[in-house]
Amino acid sequence: MSSFLRRTVALATAVPVLIAAAIVPAQAKSDFSVKPFMGWSSWSVQSSNNPAYGTKWLTEANVKSAADSMAKNLRGSGYTNINLDAGWNANWNWEFRTDANGIPEADPERFPNGIASLARYVHSKGLKIGLYGGAGLQTAIYDKNAPILGTNCTTQDITVYPLVKTNMWGGDWKIDFTKPCAQAYFNSIAQRFASWGVDFVKVDGVLKENIPDIEAWSKAIDQSGRKMWLTASAWPIPREAGEGLQPWANSVRVNTDVECYCNTVSTWTSSVDNRWEDLPKWLDVVRPNYWPDLDSMPINNNSGVGIQDGINETERQSVMTFWSMASSPLYVGGDLANIDPRAIAILTNREVIAVDQAGVIPTRVTDGTLQIWKKRLPNGKLAVAVYNLGDTTADIPVTWQQLGLHGNRTIRDLVAHQNLGKSNKSWTANSVPAHGSRLITIS
């Protein structure tokens, strides 16, 4: 595979993404010890129309505050990634900055000390840093006709001709990867990121036609000598791209943005509930080191000052349970400086985190309003989650026959940290509230 866990390279429209991950050998794709990353992304607060947030929120000072909070409240449970999304290299008018060679560089007003300095600060907290970019060649970089480091080419030499727009928003020029200088350009960006200490890269807007972009990022990360996590992203990535991306990306966005683009981070119906219909479409292709990315978790603040999650306590727990059953990367959305005690308790539940970090892709047992999901954990226990996607309280019965089990079994509630006794035929999750869930192990 490539650099960090798999091939970790992600570029998002002229905006590189920091990826948090430990460095692994070039063929990391076969390294099944790589687990879904855990951390935070800035996009949830950037996307909000809350007057205190929005795109202007992404600054060096606010990123440092997020890192401080993560180090204090979440790092001990495994959360390490501080991932900067779109805008780290854009000014207040959303004009992107690059150096003379077309390599993205931080906006000096947002990040007056640069990314290398910020990375040192984040690393000093025992954390990792990630950057964002987009598929394709940004039109401004093409217009600049920047010389590509180590070559006799310029950025105008690496596009498809006649010029063709690419990526999900059709905003950048499609790159011709039969031209050797195309890979050299990606190498120059990855090498610069490596020199800054970047650990994670998110490449956004990825369509099937952008699989070569992710491959180039992956190879560039490998040659950089630094381990980086590479995630391929869109809203969502089309399922038809799934197999082609698998050799190159460490994770793949399988559904639309979780954000509501409103005054809060999200709402249940804005798209949180879409995860249950989107993930099943990807279960046949995702696997260890090609994790299904369900986007950020709106589990941060339902009380006090600052942007609110927009979902209730029951729904916050269902998010944590579903993401963990999926072995999705666990990354928080919201203003970490205002994280509330209940969010910390949900996010740091070690028994639930262990289900995620087991690195096992689940099976959906039943669909519809009352769903049952299962997966076999490395310790031999069977993790079972039930979800009430309806609007009224319901009992959800689960039979051993449905799960492929028989005999007397011991049941444990992982959220409540309670042993529920034994049964030889079934278990029923009683009075599961609307949008609620239960998570157990059966042994």
Protein backbone atom coordinates (compact mmCIF):
# COMPACT_ATOMS: atom_id res chain seq x y z
CA MET A 1 0.00 0.00 0.00
CA SER A 2 1.39 3.35 0.64
CA SER A 3 2.60 5.49 3.38
CA PHE A 4 0.67 5.40 6.53
CA LEU A 5 -1.92 2.77 6.70
CA ARG A 6 -2.55 2.20 3.21
CA ARG A 7 -1.69 4.76 0.80
CA THR A 8 -2.47 7.91 2.55
CA VAL A 9 -2.83 10.68 0.19
CA ALA A 10 -5.71 12.98 -0.06
CA LEU A 11 -5.87 16.19 -1.95
CA ALA A 12 -8.81 18.47 -1.91
CA THR A 13 -9.24 21.26 -4.38
CA ALA A 14 -6.03 23.02 -3.91
CA VAL A 15 -6.30 22.50 -0.23
CA PRO A 16 -4.04 19.74 1.16
CA VAL A 17 -5.24 17.81 4.14
CA LEU A 18 -3.25 16.90 7.20
CA ILE A 19 -3.48 13.30 8.00
CA ALA A 20 -2.78 11.88 11.36
CA ALA A 21 -1.20 8.49 11.31
CA ALA A 22 1.97 6.63 12.08
CA ILE A 23 4.33 5.86 9.23
CA VAL A 24 4.22 2.37 7.79
CA PRO A 25 6.17 0.55 5.10
CA ALA A 26 5.39 1.11 1.45
CA GLN A 27 3.16 -1.95 1.22
CA ALA A 28 1.07 -0.92 4.20
CA LYS A 29 -2.07 -2.08 2.47
CA SER A 30 -1.31 -5.57 3.67
CA ASP A 31 -0.72 -4.31 7.19
CA PHE A 32 -3.95 -5.25 8.93
CA SER A 33 -2.67 -3.86 12.23
CA VAL A 34 -3.70 -0.41 11.00
CA LYS A 35 -6.88 0.64 12.79
CA PRO A 36 -9.41 3.38 12.03
CA PHE A 37 -7.98 6.74 13.04
CA MET A 38 -9.52 8.74 15.89
CA GLY A 39 -9.55 12.51 16.22
CA TRP A 40 -11.30 15.70 15.14
CA SER A 41 -12.09 17.60 11.93
CA SER A 42 -12.60 21.34 11.59
CA TRP A 43 -15.25 21.19 8.85
CA SER A 44 -18.31 20.81 11.08
CA VAL A 45 -17.83 24.25 12.61
CA GLN A 46 -16.62 25.77 9.34
CA SER A 47 -19.79 24.63 7.57
CA SER A 48 -22.18 26.16 10.11
CA ASN A 49 -24.04 29.42 9.56
CA ASN A 50 -23.80 30.07 13.29
CA PRO A 51 -22.49 33.68 13.43
CA ALA A 52 -19.63 32.67 15.77
CA TYR A 53 -18.34 30.02 13.38
CA GLY A 54 -18.33 29.47 9.62
CA THR A 55 -15.32 29.56 7.30
CA LYS A 56 -13.69 32.41 9.23
CA TRP A 57 -13.34 30.15 12.28
CA LEU A 58 -10.38 28.18 10.91
CA THR A 59 -7.38 29.94 12.43
CA GLU A 60 -4.14 28.94 14.10
CA ALA A 61 -5.46 30.02 17.51
CA ASN A 62 -8.65 27.96 17.22
CA VAL A 63 -6.79 24.89 15.98
CA LYS A 64 -4.44 25.14 18.96
CA SER A 65 -7.45 25.37 21.28
CA ALA A 66 -8.86 22.21 19.71
CA ALA A 67 -5.52 20.45 20.22
CA ASP A 68 -5.38 21.57 23.84
CA SER A 69 -8.86 20.19 24.51
CA MET A 70 -8.17 16.90 22.75
CA ALA A 71 -4.95 16.40 24.69
CA LYS A 72 -6.79 17.07 27.95
CA ASN A 73 -10.07 15.23 27.38
CA LEU A 74 -9.73 12.62 24.61
CA ARG A 75 -6.13 11.67 23.92
CA GLY A 76 -6.04 9.13 26.74
CA SER A 77 -8.78 7.18 24.96
CA GLY A 78 -6.97 7.11 21.62
CA TYR A 79 -8.04 10.32 19.87
CA THR A 80 -5.02 11.88 18.22
CA ASN A 81 -5.85 13.51 14.86
CA ILE A 82 -6.27 17.25 14.48
CA ASN A 83 -7.39 17.55 10.87
CA LEU A 84 -7.66 20.92 9.13
CA ASP A 85 -10.26 20.97 6.39
CA ALA A 86 -10.79 23.34 3.45
CA GLY A 87 -9.52 26.86 3.95
CA TRP A 88 -6.18 26.38 5.65
CA ASN A 89 -4.50 27.75 2.52
CA ALA A 90 -7.26 30.22 1.60
CA ASN A 91 -7.72 33.84 2.59
CA TRP A 92 -10.97 35.36 3.85
CA ASN A 93 -12.19 35.74 0.25
CA TRP A 94 -11.58 32.05 -0.34
CA GLU A 95 -8.66 32.64 -2.68
CA PHE A 96 -6.12 29.84 -2.41
CA ARG A 97 -2.42 30.40 -1.82
CA THR A 98 0.48 28.50 -3.38
CA ASP A 99 4.20 29.10 -3.63
CA ALA A 100 6.11 29.69 -6.86
CA ASN A 101 6.02 25.95 -7.64
CA GLY A 102 2.27 25.58 -7.23
CA ILE A 103 2.54 23.89 -3.82
CA PRO A 104 -0.24 24.91 -1.41
CA GLU A 105 0.90 27.05 1.50
CA ALA A 106 -0.89 28.30 4.59
CA ASP A 107 -2.72 31.60 4.50
CA PRO A 108 -0.52 33.98 6.54
CA GLU A 109 -3.51 35.71 8.16
CA ARG A 110 -5.13 32.49 9.34
CA PHE A 111 -1.82 30.78 10.18
CA PRO A 112 0.79 33.48 10.75
CA ASN A 113 3.43 30.97 11.91
CA GLY A 114 2.85 28.45 9.14
CA ILE A 115 1.92 24.78 9.17
CA ALA A 116 5.33 23.49 10.28
CA SER A 117 5.10 25.56 13.47
CA LEU A 118 1.51 24.45 14.08
CA ALA A 119 2.49 20.83 13.50
CA ARG A 120 5.22 21.12 16.12
CA TYR A 121 2.66 22.46 18.59
CA VAL A 122 0.20 19.65 17.83
CA HIS A 123 2.93 17.01 18.02
CA SER A 124 4.08 18.42 21.37
CA LYS A 125 0.64 17.46 22.70
CA GLY A 126 1.12 13.86 21.57
CA LEU A 127 -1.23 14.40 18.63
CA LYS A 128 -1.14 14.29 14.82
CA ILE A 129 -2.02 16.89 12.21
CA GLY A 130 -3.82 16.60 8.89
CA LEU A 131 -4.46 18.80 5.83
CA TYR A 132 -7.08 19.00 3.11
CA GLY A 133 -6.91 19.18 -0.67
CA GLY A 134 -9.05 18.46 -3.72
CA ALA A 135 -8.94 16.13 -6.71
CA GLY A 136 -7.64 17.71 -9.91
CA LEU A 137 -5.44 20.73 -10.58
CA GLN A 138 -6.75 24.00 -9.24
CA THR A 139 -7.45 26.44 -12.04
CA ALA A 140 -5.37 29.18 -10.38
CA ILE A 141 -2.35 26.86 -10.27
CA TYR A 142 -2.82 26.10 -13.96
CA ASP A 143 -3.08 29.81 -14.77
CA LYS A 144 0.11 30.42 -12.79
CA ASN A 145 1.95 27.93 -15.03
CA ALA A 146 4.18 27.15 -12.07
CA PRO A 147 7.41 25.20 -12.64
CA ILE A 148 7.24 21.74 -11.08
CA LEU A 149 10.12 21.03 -8.72
CA GLY A 150 12.78 18.66 -10.06
CA THR A 151 11.48 18.74 -13.64
CA ASN A 152 11.51 20.86 -16.78
CA CYS A 153 7.70 20.89 -16.74
CA THR A 154 5.15 23.40 -15.58
CA THR A 155 1.66 22.86 -14.19
CA GLN A 156 0.21 23.56 -17.64
CA ASP A 157 2.07 20.50 -18.94
CA ILE A 158 0.22 17.95 -16.81
CA THR A 159 -3.44 18.50 -17.66
CA VAL A 160 -5.68 16.75 -20.12
CA TYR A 161 -6.03 18.68 -23.40
CA PRO A 162 -8.33 20.11 -24.40
CA LEU A 163 -8.94 21.22 -20.81
CA VAL A 164 -11.63 19.24 -18.97
CA LYS A 165 -13.14 20.07 -15.57
CA THR A 166 -13.07 17.35 -12.91
CA ASN A 167 -14.06 16.44 -9.33
CA MET A 168 -17.49 16.49 -7.69
CA TRP A 169 -17.93 20.25 -7.97
CA GLY A 170 -16.38 20.51 -11.45
CA GLY A 171 -14.04 23.19 -10.23
CA ASP A 172 -10.55 22.03 -11.25
CA TRP A 173 -8.74 20.76 -14.32
CA LYS A 174 -8.38 17.04 -14.95
CA ILE A 175 -4.79 15.78 -14.80
CA ASP A 176 -3.24 13.51 -17.44
CA PHE A 177 -1.37 10.89 -15.45
CA THR A 178 0.30 9.44 -18.54
CA LYS A 179 2.57 12.46 -18.32
CA PRO A 180 5.46 11.69 -15.92
CA CYS A 181 5.58 15.23 -14.56
CA ALA A 182 2.09 14.72 -13.12
CA GLN A 183 3.45 12.30 -10.52
CA ALA A 184 6.39 14.62 -9.91
CA TYR A 185 3.97 17.42 -9.03
CA PHE A 186 2.20 15.26 -6.43
CA ASN A 187 5.59 14.17 -5.11
CA SER A 188 6.56 17.80 -4.57
CA ILE A 189 3.43 18.46 -2.52
CA ALA A 190 3.80 15.32 -0.41
CA GLN A 191 7.46 16.08 0.20
CA ARG A 192 6.55 19.57 1.41
CA PHE A 193 3.86 18.17 3.69
CA ALA A 194 6.36 15.67 5.05
CA SER A 195 8.82 18.48 5.78
CA TRP A 196 6.10 20.23 7.76
CA GLY A 197 5.32 17.10 9.75
CA VAL A 198 1.89 16.36 8.30
CA ASP A 199 0.38 13.01 9.29
CA PHE A 200 -2.90 12.89 7.36
CA VAL A 201 -4.20 13.96 3.96
CA LYS A 202 -7.80 14.26 2.84
CA VAL A 203 -8.51 14.49 -0.88
CA ASP A 204 -12.01 15.76 -1.55
CA GLY A 205 -14.41 15.70 -4.48
CA VAL A 206 -13.31 12.26 -5.63
CA LEU A 207 -15.25 10.63 -8.48
CA LYS A 208 -14.46 7.40 -10.34
CA GLU A 209 -12.43 9.43 -12.83
CA ASN A 210 -10.27 10.68 -9.94
CA ILE A 211 -8.98 7.26 -8.89
CA PRO A 212 -5.63 8.15 -10.57
CA ASP A 213 -5.41 11.24 -8.34
CA ILE A 214 -5.62 9.08 -5.23
CA GLU A 215 -3.10 6.62 -6.67
CA ALA A 216 -0.71 9.49 -7.35
CA TRP A 217 -1.17 10.84 -3.84
CA SER A 218 -0.51 7.40 -2.40
CA LYS A 219 2.67 6.95 -4.37
CA ALA A 220 3.76 10.48 -3.48
CA ILE A 221 3.29 9.83 0.22
CA ASP A 222 5.33 6.63 -0.09
CA GLN A 223 8.23 8.46 -1.71
CA SER A 224 8.10 11.25 0.87
CA GLY A 225 9.45 8.92 3.55
CA ARG A 226 6.78 10.01 6.05
CA LYS A 227 3.80 7.96 7.11
CA MET A 228 0.53 9.69 6.37
CA TRP A 229 -3.05 8.53 6.41
CA LEU A 230 -4.78 9.07 3.06
CA THR A 231 -8.53 9.41 2.90
CA ALA A 232 -10.58 9.74 -0.27
CA SER A 233 -13.62 11.93 0.19
CA ALA A 234 -16.75 13.26 -1.50
CA TRP A 235 -20.41 13.63 -0.47
CA PRO A 236 -20.42 10.70 -1.00
CA ILE A 237 -17.87 9.03 -3.23
CA PRO A 238 -19.82 7.16 -5.93
CA ARG A 239 -20.02 3.45 -5.17
CA GLU A 240 -18.68 2.71 -8.66
CA ALA A 241 -15.30 4.05 -7.50
CA GLY A 242 -15.07 1.69 -4.55
CA GLU A 243 -12.96 -1.11 -5.99
CA GLY A 244 -10.61 1.24 -7.83
CA LEU A 245 -9.81 3.27 -4.73
CA GLN A 246 -9.30 0.26 -2.50
CA PRO A 247 -5.57 -0.26 -3.27
CA TRP A 248 -4.69 3.37 -2.55
CA ALA A 249 -6.79 4.94 0.21
CA ASN A 250 -6.88 4.11 3.92
CA SER A 251 -10.49 5.21 4.22
CA VAL A 252 -13.32 6.20 1.90
CA ARG A 253 -16.29 8.50 2.49
CA VAL A 254 -19.39 6.39 1.93
CA ASN A 255 -22.13 8.95 2.54
CA THR A 256 -23.05 12.61 2.33
CA ASP A 257 -21.88 15.28 4.74
CA VAL A 258 -23.17 14.80 8.26
CA GLU A 259 -23.46 18.57 8.68
CA CYS A 260 -26.77 20.41 8.31
CA TYR A 261 -25.18 23.69 7.12
CA CYS A 262 -27.39 25.45 9.62
CA ASN A 263 -27.00 27.05 13.06
CA THR A 264 -25.93 23.76 14.69
CA VAL A 265 -23.47 21.09 13.59
CA SER A 266 -26.12 18.67 12.37
CA THR A 267 -29.66 17.35 12.83
CA TRP A 268 -30.95 13.80 12.85
CA THR A 269 -32.90 14.19 9.59
CA SER A 270 -30.46 16.50 7.84
CA SER A 271 -28.28 13.49 7.18
CA VAL A 272 -27.31 11.65 10.36
CA ASP A 273 -29.98 9.03 9.68
CA ASN A 274 -28.72 8.56 6.11
CA ARG A 275 -25.76 6.52 7.45
CA TRP A 276 -27.97 3.47 7.99
CA GLU A 277 -29.00 3.37 4.34
CA ASP A 278 -25.61 4.31 2.86
CA LEU A 279 -23.20 2.01 4.68
CA PRO A 280 -24.80 -1.26 3.45
CA LYS A 281 -24.01 -0.30 -0.16
CA TRP A 282 -20.28 -0.43 0.72
CA LEU A 283 -20.09 -3.50 2.93
CA ASP A 284 -18.96 -5.71 0.05
CA VAL A 285 -15.86 -3.61 -0.71
CA VAL A 286 -14.64 -1.95 2.50
CA ARG A 287 -12.20 -3.95 4.58
CA PRO A 288 -9.31 -3.55 7.02
CA ASN A 289 -7.11 -0.65 5.92
CA TYR A 290 -9.89 0.53 3.59
CA TRP A 291 -12.28 1.73 6.25
CA PRO A 292 -15.76 3.13 5.63
CA ASP A 293 -15.63 6.80 6.62
CA LEU A 294 -19.04 7.89 7.98
CA ASP A 295 -17.88 11.52 8.35
CA SER A 296 -17.46 13.36 11.63
CA MET A 297 -19.52 12.58 14.72
CA PRO A 298 -21.74 15.41 16.03
CA ILE A 299 -20.87 14.53 19.61
CA ASN A 300 -19.32 17.56 21.28
CA ASN A 301 -21.59 20.09 22.95
CA ASN A 302 -25.26 20.03 23.87
CA SER A 303 -24.97 22.49 26.73
CA GLY A 304 -23.24 25.71 27.62
CA VAL A 305 -21.67 28.15 25.19
CA GLY A 306 -20.56 27.44 21.65
CA ILE A 307 -22.08 25.67 18.69
CA GLN A 308 -24.49 22.86 19.60
CA ASP A 309 -24.50 19.37 18.13
CA GLY A 310 -28.12 19.55 16.95
CA ILE A 311 -28.94 15.98 18.01
CA ASN A 312 -30.15 14.78 21.40
CA GLU A 313 -28.40 12.56 23.93
CA THR A 314 -30.03 9.37 22.65
CA GLU A 315 -29.02 10.20 19.10
CA ARG A 316 -25.45 11.04 20.13
CA GLN A 317 -25.07 7.57 21.63
CA SER A 318 -26.55 5.96 18.50
CA VAL A 319 -23.95 7.80 16.41
CA MET A 320 -21.12 6.50 18.57
CA THR A 321 -22.52 2.98 18.47
CA PHE A 322 -23.11 2.91 14.70
CA TRP A 323 -19.71 4.42 13.81
CA SER A 324 -18.03 1.91 16.14
CA MET A 325 -19.89 -1.07 14.74
CA ALA A 326 -18.84 0.08 11.26
CA SER A 327 -15.17 0.36 12.28
CA SER A 328 -15.35 3.85 10.84
CA PRO A 329 -12.74 6.43 11.77
CA LEU A 330 -13.96 8.09 14.97
CA TYR A 331 -13.53 11.81 14.64
CA VAL A 332 -15.43 14.53 16.38
CA GLY A 333 -17.07 17.55 14.79
CA GLY A 334 -17.68 20.75 16.74
CA ASP A 335 -15.76 23.27 18.79
CA LEU A 336 -13.64 21.09 21.08
CA ALA A 337 -12.91 24.03 23.36
CA ASN A 338 -16.54 23.72 24.54
CA ILE A 339 -16.86 19.93 24.74
CA ASP A 340 -19.36 18.92 27.44
CA PRO A 341 -18.98 16.18 30.09
CA ARG A 342 -21.61 13.92 28.54
CA ALA A 343 -19.87 14.04 25.16
CA ILE A 344 -16.58 13.12 26.82
CA ALA A 345 -18.28 10.16 28.52
CA ILE A 346 -19.77 8.90 25.25
CA LEU A 347 -16.56 9.37 23.26
CA THR A 348 -14.26 7.78 25.84
CA ASN A 349 -16.27 4.63 26.58
CA ARG A 350 -13.46 2.11 26.19
CA GLU A 351 -15.76 -0.87 25.65
CA VAL A 352 -17.45 0.87 22.72
CA ILE A 353 -14.16 2.16 21.29
CA ALA A 354 -12.82 -1.40 21.38
CA VAL A 355 -15.62 -2.48 19.03
CA ASP A 356 -14.45 0.15 16.53
CA GLN A 357 -10.75 -0.57 16.95
CA ALA A 358 -11.31 -4.31 16.53
CA GLY A 359 -11.14 -3.43 12.86
CA VAL A 360 -13.92 -5.75 11.73
CA ILE A 361 -16.50 -4.86 9.08
CA PRO A 362 -20.06 -5.61 10.30
CA THR A 363 -23.00 -7.48 8.81
CA ARG A 364 -26.51 -6.09 8.72
CA VAL A 365 -28.87 -8.80 10.00
CA THR A 366 -32.17 -6.94 9.52
CA ASP A 367 -33.02 -3.68 7.78
CA GLY A 368 -36.02 -1.39 8.05
CA THR A 369 -37.00 0.72 11.04
CA LEU A 370 -35.76 -1.72 13.69
CA GLN A 371 -32.31 -2.88 12.64
CA ILE A 372 -29.92 -5.53 13.95
CA TRP A 373 -26.20 -5.53 13.11
CA LYS A 374 -23.45 -7.93 14.18
CA LYS A 375 -19.73 -8.57 13.90
CA ARG A 376 -17.34 -11.12 15.35
CA LEU A 377 -14.63 -9.55 17.51
CA PRO A 378 -11.05 -10.84 17.65
CA ASN A 379 -11.65 -12.11 21.20
CA GLY A 380 -14.33 -14.47 19.89
CA LYS A 381 -17.27 -12.52 21.28
CA LEU A 382 -20.07 -11.40 18.99
CA ALA A 383 -20.87 -7.68 19.05
CA VAL A 384 -24.53 -6.99 18.36
CA ALA A 385 -26.13 -3.57 17.95
CA VAL A 386 -29.82 -2.76 17.57
CA TYR A 387 -31.19 0.54 16.32
CA ASN A 388 -34.65 2.06 16.51
CA LEU A 389 -34.80 4.41 13.53
CA GLY A 390 -38.49 5.07 14.12
CA ASP A 391 -40.14 7.90 15.99
CA THR A 392 -41.66 5.93 18.88
CA THR A 393 -40.23 3.68 21.59
CA ALA A 394 -39.99 0.01 20.61
CA ASP A 395 -38.79 -3.39 21.83
CA ILE A 396 -36.26 -5.06 19.52
CA PRO A 397 -36.05 -8.86 19.91
CA VAL A 398 -32.93 -10.69 18.72
CA THR A 399 -32.87 -14.48 18.36
CA TRP A 400 -29.80 -16.69 18.40
CA GLN A 401 -31.04 -18.18 15.12
CA GLN A 402 -30.80 -14.75 13.46
CA LEU A 403 -27.23 -14.45 14.68
CA GLY A 404 -26.13 -17.99 13.80
CA LEU A 405 -25.74 -18.90 17.47
CA HIS A 406 -27.02 -21.64 19.72
CA GLY A 407 -26.71 -22.65 23.35
CA ASN A 408 -26.49 -20.72 26.59
CA ARG A 409 -24.81 -17.33 26.12
CA THR A 410 -23.60 -14.53 28.38
CA ILE A 411 -24.70 -11.00 27.47
CA ARG A 412 -23.02 -7.70 28.36
CA ASP A 413 -24.24 -4.14 27.70
CA LEU A 414 -21.16 -2.21 26.56
CA VAL A 415 -22.62 1.27 26.90
CA ALA A 416 -23.91 0.72 30.44
CA HIS A 417 -20.96 -1.52 31.44
CA GLN A 418 -23.41 -4.10 32.80
CA ASN A 419 -23.59 -7.89 32.61
CA LEU A 420 -27.14 -8.82 31.63
CA GLY A 421 -27.03 -12.49 32.54
CA LYS A 422 -27.44 -15.52 30.29
CA SER A 423 -29.90 -16.76 27.71
CA ASN A 424 -30.10 -19.85 25.55
CA LYS A 425 -32.42 -18.57 22.79
CA SER A 426 -32.71 -14.80 22.49
CA TRP A 427 -32.32 -11.35 23.94
CA THR A 428 -34.68 -8.39 23.71
CA ALA A 429 -33.67 -4.75 23.84
CA ASN A 430 -36.62 -3.39 25.77
CA SER A 431 -38.04 0.12 25.35
CA VAL A 432 -35.44 1.42 22.92
CA PRO A 433 -36.32 5.10 22.47
CA ALA A 434 -36.84 6.75 19.10
CA HIS A 435 -33.48 7.01 17.31
CA GLY A 436 -31.97 4.97 20.10
CA SER A 437 -29.63 1.98 20.17
CA ARG A 438 -28.22 -0.79 22.35
CA LEU A 439 -24.81 -2.43 22.03
CA ILE A 440 -24.00 -5.78 23.55
CA THR A 441 -21.52 -8.58 23.31
CA ILE A 442 -22.56 -12.22 23.38
CA SER A 443 -20.09 -14.84 24.53
